[in-house]
C-alpha atoms as a PDB file:
ATOM      1  CA  MET A   1      91.882  63.728 101.869  1.00  0.00           C
ATOM      2  CA  GLU A   2      94.954  63.237  99.817  1.00  0.00           C
ATOM      3  CA  ASN A   3      94.876  66.440  97.757  1.00  0.00           C
ATOM      4  CA  PHE A   4      94.072  68.751 100.685  1.00  0.00           C
ATOM      5  CA  LYS A   5      96.859  71.250 101.368  1.00  0.00           C
ATOM      6  CA  ILE A   6      96.582  73.909 104.048  1.00  0.00           C
ATOM      7  CA  THR A   7      98.771  76.164 101.930  1.00  0.00           C
ATOM      8  CA  ASP A   8      96.038  76.258  99.257  1.00  0.00           C
ATOM      9  CA  TYR A   9      93.884  78.334 101.619  1.00  0.00           C
ATOM     10  CA  ALA A  10      94.353  81.842 102.942  1.00  0.00           C
ATOM     11  CA  PHE A  11      93.345  83.178 106.361  1.00  0.00           C
ATOM     12  CA  GLU A  12      93.125  86.785 107.454  1.00  0.00           C
ATOM     13  CA  ARG A  13      91.835  88.735 110.414  1.00  0.00           C
ATOM     14  CA  THR A  14      89.839  91.659 109.070  1.00  0.00           C
ATOM     15  CA  VAL A  15      87.207  93.875 110.664  1.00  0.00           C
ATOM     16  CA  TRP A  16      84.554  91.638 109.106  1.00  0.00           C
ATOM     17  CA  ALA A  17      86.254  88.583 110.639  1.00  0.00           C
ATOM     18  CA  ASN A  18      86.370  90.244 114.070  1.00  0.00           C
ATOM     19  CA  MET A  19      82.647  90.984 113.833  1.00  0.00           C
ATOM     20  CA  GLN A  20      81.882  87.363 112.949  1.00  0.00           C
ATOM     21  CA  LEU A  21      84.244  85.967 115.608  1.00  0.00           C
ATOM     22  CA  ALA A  22      82.735  88.236 118.258  1.00  0.00           C
ATOM     23  CA  LYS A  23      79.380  86.527 117.629  1.00  0.00           C
ATOM     24  CA  LEU A  24      80.968  83.250 118.779  1.00  0.00           C
ATOM     25  CA  CYS A  25      82.366  84.802 121.974  1.00  0.00           C
ATOM     26  CA  PRO A  26      80.565  84.976 125.324  1.00  0.00           C
ATOM     27  CA  GLY A  27      78.735  88.285 125.537  1.00  0.00           C
ATOM     28  CA  GLY A  28      79.559  88.984 121.880  1.00  0.00           C
ATOM     29  CA  ASN A  29      82.871  90.385 123.121  1.00  0.00           C
ATOM     30  CA  ILE A  30      86.023  89.598 121.099  1.00  0.00           C
ATOM     31  CA  SER A  31      88.111  89.988 124.260  1.00  0.00           C
ATOM     32  CA  ASN A  32      86.495  86.701 125.381  1.00  0.00           C
ATOM     33  CA  PHE A  33      87.878  84.920 122.305  1.00  0.00           C
ATOM     34  CA  THR A  34      90.013  82.418 124.224  1.00  0.00           C
ATOM     35  CA  LYS A  35      86.967  81.277 126.217  1.00  0.00           C
ATOM     36  CA  ILE A  36      85.404  79.679 123.147  1.00  0.00           C
ATOM     37  CA  LEU A  37      88.402  77.377 122.862  1.00  0.00           C
ATOM     38  CA  GLU A  38      88.393  76.452 126.548  1.00  0.00           C
ATOM     39  CA  ASP A  39      85.058  74.605 126.491  1.00  0.00           C
ATOM     40  CA  GLU A  40      85.447  71.112 127.927  1.00  0.00           C
ATOM     41  CA  ASP A  41      82.847  69.755 125.501  1.00  0.00           C
ATOM     42  CA  THR A  42      84.935  68.283 122.672  1.00  0.00           C
ATOM     43  CA  SER A  43      82.185  68.661 120.087  1.00  0.00           C
ATOM     44  CA  LYS A  44      81.687  72.339 120.940  1.00  0.00           C
ATOM     45  CA  GLN A  45      85.437  72.931 120.900  1.00  0.00           C
ATOM     46  CA  LEU A  46      85.860  71.286 117.484  1.00  0.00           C
ATOM     47  CA  ASN A  47      82.885  73.217 116.089  1.00  0.00           C
ATOM     48  CA  SER A  48      84.393  76.462 117.392  1.00  0.00           C
ATOM     49  CA  MET A  49      87.744  75.660 115.788  1.00  0.00           C
ATOM     50  CA  ILE A  50      86.017  74.923 112.485  1.00  0.00           C
ATOM     51  CA  ASP A  51      83.966  78.133 112.722  1.00  0.00           C
ATOM     52  CA  ILE A  52      87.135  80.158 113.344  1.00  0.00           C
ATOM     53  CA  ALA A  53      88.935  78.611 110.370  1.00  0.00           C
ATOM     54  CA  LEU A  54      85.919  79.181 108.106  1.00  0.00           C
ATOM     55  CA  ILE A  55      85.550  82.825 109.173  1.00  0.00           C
ATOM     56  CA  LEU A  56      89.242  83.683 108.772  1.00  0.00           C
ATOM     57  CA  ASN A  57      89.355  81.931 105.400  1.00  0.00           C
ATOM     58  CA  GLU A  58      86.238  83.742 104.170  1.00  0.00           C
ATOM     59  CA  ALA A  59      87.670  87.048 105.405  1.00  0.00           C
ATOM     60  CA  ALA A  60      90.850  86.504 103.388  1.00  0.00           C
ATOM     61  CA  GLU A  61      88.838  85.658 100.288  1.00  0.00           C
ATOM     62  CA  LYS A  62      86.500  88.646 100.708  1.00  0.00           C
ATOM     63  CA  LYS A  63      89.503  90.942 100.967  1.00  0.00           C
ATOM     64  CA  ALA A  64      91.237  89.337  97.979  1.00  0.00           C
ATOM     65  CA  CYS A  65      88.091  89.798  95.852  1.00  0.00           C
ATOM     66  CA  PHE A  66      87.795  93.395  97.013  1.00  0.00           C
ATOM     67  CA  LEU A  67      91.394  94.080  95.999  1.00  0.00           C
ATOM     68  CA  ASP A  68      91.186  92.102  92.745  1.00  0.00           C
ATOM     69  CA  SER A  69      87.797  91.590  91.119  1.00  0.00           C
ATOM     70  CA  THR A  70      89.199  88.705  89.050  1.00  0.00           C
ATOM     71  CA  HIS A  71      90.342  86.744  92.126  1.00  0.00           C
ATOM     72  CA  GLU A  72      88.952  83.202  92.256  1.00  0.00           C
ATOM     73  CA  LYS A  73      87.776  82.341  95.743  1.00  0.00           C
ATOM     74  CA  LYS A  74      89.303  79.314  97.430  1.00  0.00           C
ATOM     75  CA  LEU A  75      86.870  78.733 100.287  1.00  0.00           C
ATOM     76  CA  LEU A  76      86.967  76.020 102.884  1.00  0.00           C
ATOM     77  CA  SER A  77      83.679  74.350 103.702  1.00  0.00           C
ATOM     78  CA  ARG A  78      82.382  72.809 106.905  1.00  0.00           C
ATOM     79  CA  GLU A  79      81.869  69.544 105.024  1.00  0.00           C
ATOM     80  CA  LEU A  80      85.490  69.514 103.854  1.00  0.00           C
ATOM     81  CA  LEU A  81      86.812  70.215 107.355  1.00  0.00           C
ATOM     82  CA  LEU A  82      84.559  67.570 108.927  1.00  0.00           C
ATOM     83  CA  ASN A  83      85.961  64.959 106.568  1.00  0.00           C
ATOM     84  CA  LEU A  84      89.613  65.650 107.362  1.00  0.00           C
ATOM     85  CA  ASP A  85      91.534  63.450 109.751  1.00  0.00           C
ATOM     86  CA  GLU A  86      91.997  64.903 113.224  1.00  0.00           C
ATOM     87  CA  GLN A  87      95.644  65.907 112.696  1.00  0.00           C
ATOM     88  CA  THR A  88      94.955  67.744 109.431  1.00  0.00           C
ATOM     89  CA  LEU A  89      91.982  69.540 110.978  1.00  0.00           C
ATOM     90  CA  SER A  90      94.151  70.494 113.946  1.00  0.00           C
ATOM     91  CA  ASP A  91      96.929  71.785 111.661  1.00  0.00           C
ATOM     92  CA  THR A  92      94.405  73.805 109.636  1.00  0.00           C
ATOM     93  CA  CYS A  93      92.820  75.353 112.710  1.00  0.00           C
ATOM     94  CA  LEU A  94      96.196  76.103 114.295  1.00  0.00           C
ATOM     95  CA  THR A  95      97.257  77.849 111.089  1.00  0.00           C
ATOM     96  CA  ALA A  96      94.101  79.977 111.200  1.00  0.00           C
ATOM     97  CA  LEU A  97      94.573  80.720 114.913  1.00  0.00           C
ATOM     98  CA  GLY A  98      98.183  81.719 114.267  1.00  0.00           C
ATOM     99  CA  ILE A  99      96.971  84.256 111.707  1.00  0.00           C
ATOM    100  CA  TYR A 100      94.356  85.494 114.175  1.00  0.00           C
ATOM    101  CA  GLN A 101      97.016  86.108 116.829  1.00  0.00           C
ATOM    102  CA  GLU A 102      99.580  87.587 114.419  1.00  0.00           C
ATOM    103  CA  ASP A 103      97.081  89.974 112.809  1.00  0.00           C
ATOM    104  CA  GLY A 104      95.954  91.127 116.246  1.00  0.00           C
ATOM    105  CA  LYS A 105      99.389  92.293 117.348  1.00  0.00           C
ATOM    106  CA  ILE A 106     100.206  95.983 117.307  1.00  0.00           C
ATOM    107  CA  THR A 107     103.474  96.353 115.457  1.00  0.00           C
ATOM    108  CA  VAL A 108     103.883 100.133 115.238  1.00  0.00           C
ATOM    109  CA  ASP A 109     103.006 102.820 117.752  1.00  0.00           C
ATOM    110  CA  ALA A 110     100.876 105.538 116.207  1.00  0.00           C
ATOM    111  CA  GLU A 111     103.038 108.250 117.759  1.00  0.00           C
ATOM    112  CA  PRO A 112     106.455 107.869 119.364  1.00  0.00           C
ATOM    113  CA  LYS A 113     106.613 108.831 123.018  1.00  0.00           C
ATOM    114  CA  LYS A 114     108.207 112.194 123.823  1.00  0.00           C
ATOM    115  CA  GLU A 115     111.186 110.467 125.473  1.00  0.00           C
ATOM    116  CA  GLU A 116     111.780 108.348 122.338  1.00  0.00           C
ATOM    117  CA  VAL A 117     111.760 111.442 120.102  1.00  0.00           C
ATOM    118  CA  GLU A 118     114.232 113.225 122.387  1.00  0.00           C
ATOM    119  CA  GLU A 119     116.490 110.134 122.441  1.00  0.00           C
ATOM    120  CA  ILE A 120     116.439 109.844 118.635  1.00  0.00           C
ATOM    121  CA  GLU A 121     117.174 113.563 118.261  1.00  0.00           C
ATOM    122  CA  SER A 122     120.091 113.411 120.724  1.00  0.00           C
ATOM    123  CA  GLU A 123     121.554 110.337 118.971  1.00  0.00           C
ATOM    124  CA  SER A 124     121.413 112.057 115.587  1.00  0.00           C
ATOM    125  CA  THR A 125     123.336 115.085 116.891  1.00  0.00           C
ATOM    126  CA  THR A 126     126.008 113.151 118.820  1.00  0.00           C
ATOM    127  CA  ALA A 127     129.511 114.308 117.897  1.00  0.00           C
ATOM    128  CA  GLY A 128     131.406 111.903 115.684  1.00  0.00           C
ATOM    129  CA  SER A 129     128.307 110.006 114.586  1.00  0.00           C
ATOM    130  CA  SER A 130     127.620 109.528 110.934  1.00  0.00           C
ATOM    131  CA  THR A 131     124.421 108.653 109.142  1.00  0.00           C
ATOM    132  CA  SER A 132     126.089 108.243 105.766  1.00  0.00           C
ATOM    133  CA  ALA A 133     125.513 104.935 104.005  1.00  0.00           C
ATOM    134  CA  ILE A 134     128.785 105.380 102.117  1.00  0.00           C
ATOM    135  CA  ASN A 135     132.001 104.460 103.934  1.00  0.00           C
END
C-alpha cells in the first residue's frame, strides 16, 4: 500500500485499551500480556499483533475525540492491516507495542521516600551552595 504511513496513525495505552487487551490475555489478566505474543502458531501470533495495534489505535482515537469533539478519527482496520506487506505490518505492530510498553512505565513516584526527602533537604542547606539561577 503505497500511501500507508504509520505516522498517520496514533496509538495510546488507556484504561479502555488495558481492558480490551486483558481480554486477549490468558486468564483475562494483563500481566500475561507477553504470553499472547509467544504463541508458536504464526496465524494466532499475527492476529494477536493486529488486535493489539487495532486496540491501541482505537484507544488513541477515543481519547482524542473525548478531548476534542471536532477530532476526525483516523482508525486502522483489520482489512487494511491484512493487506499490508509483512514488513509494514511488523513495523506498525512494533510501533504500537512500543507505545504499550512506554505508556506502562512508571515515571514518577507518587511520594518520595523519607530518605530522599532528607537528602534533598540536607543538600539545600549545605554551606556554600547556591540555588540562584543568576550568576
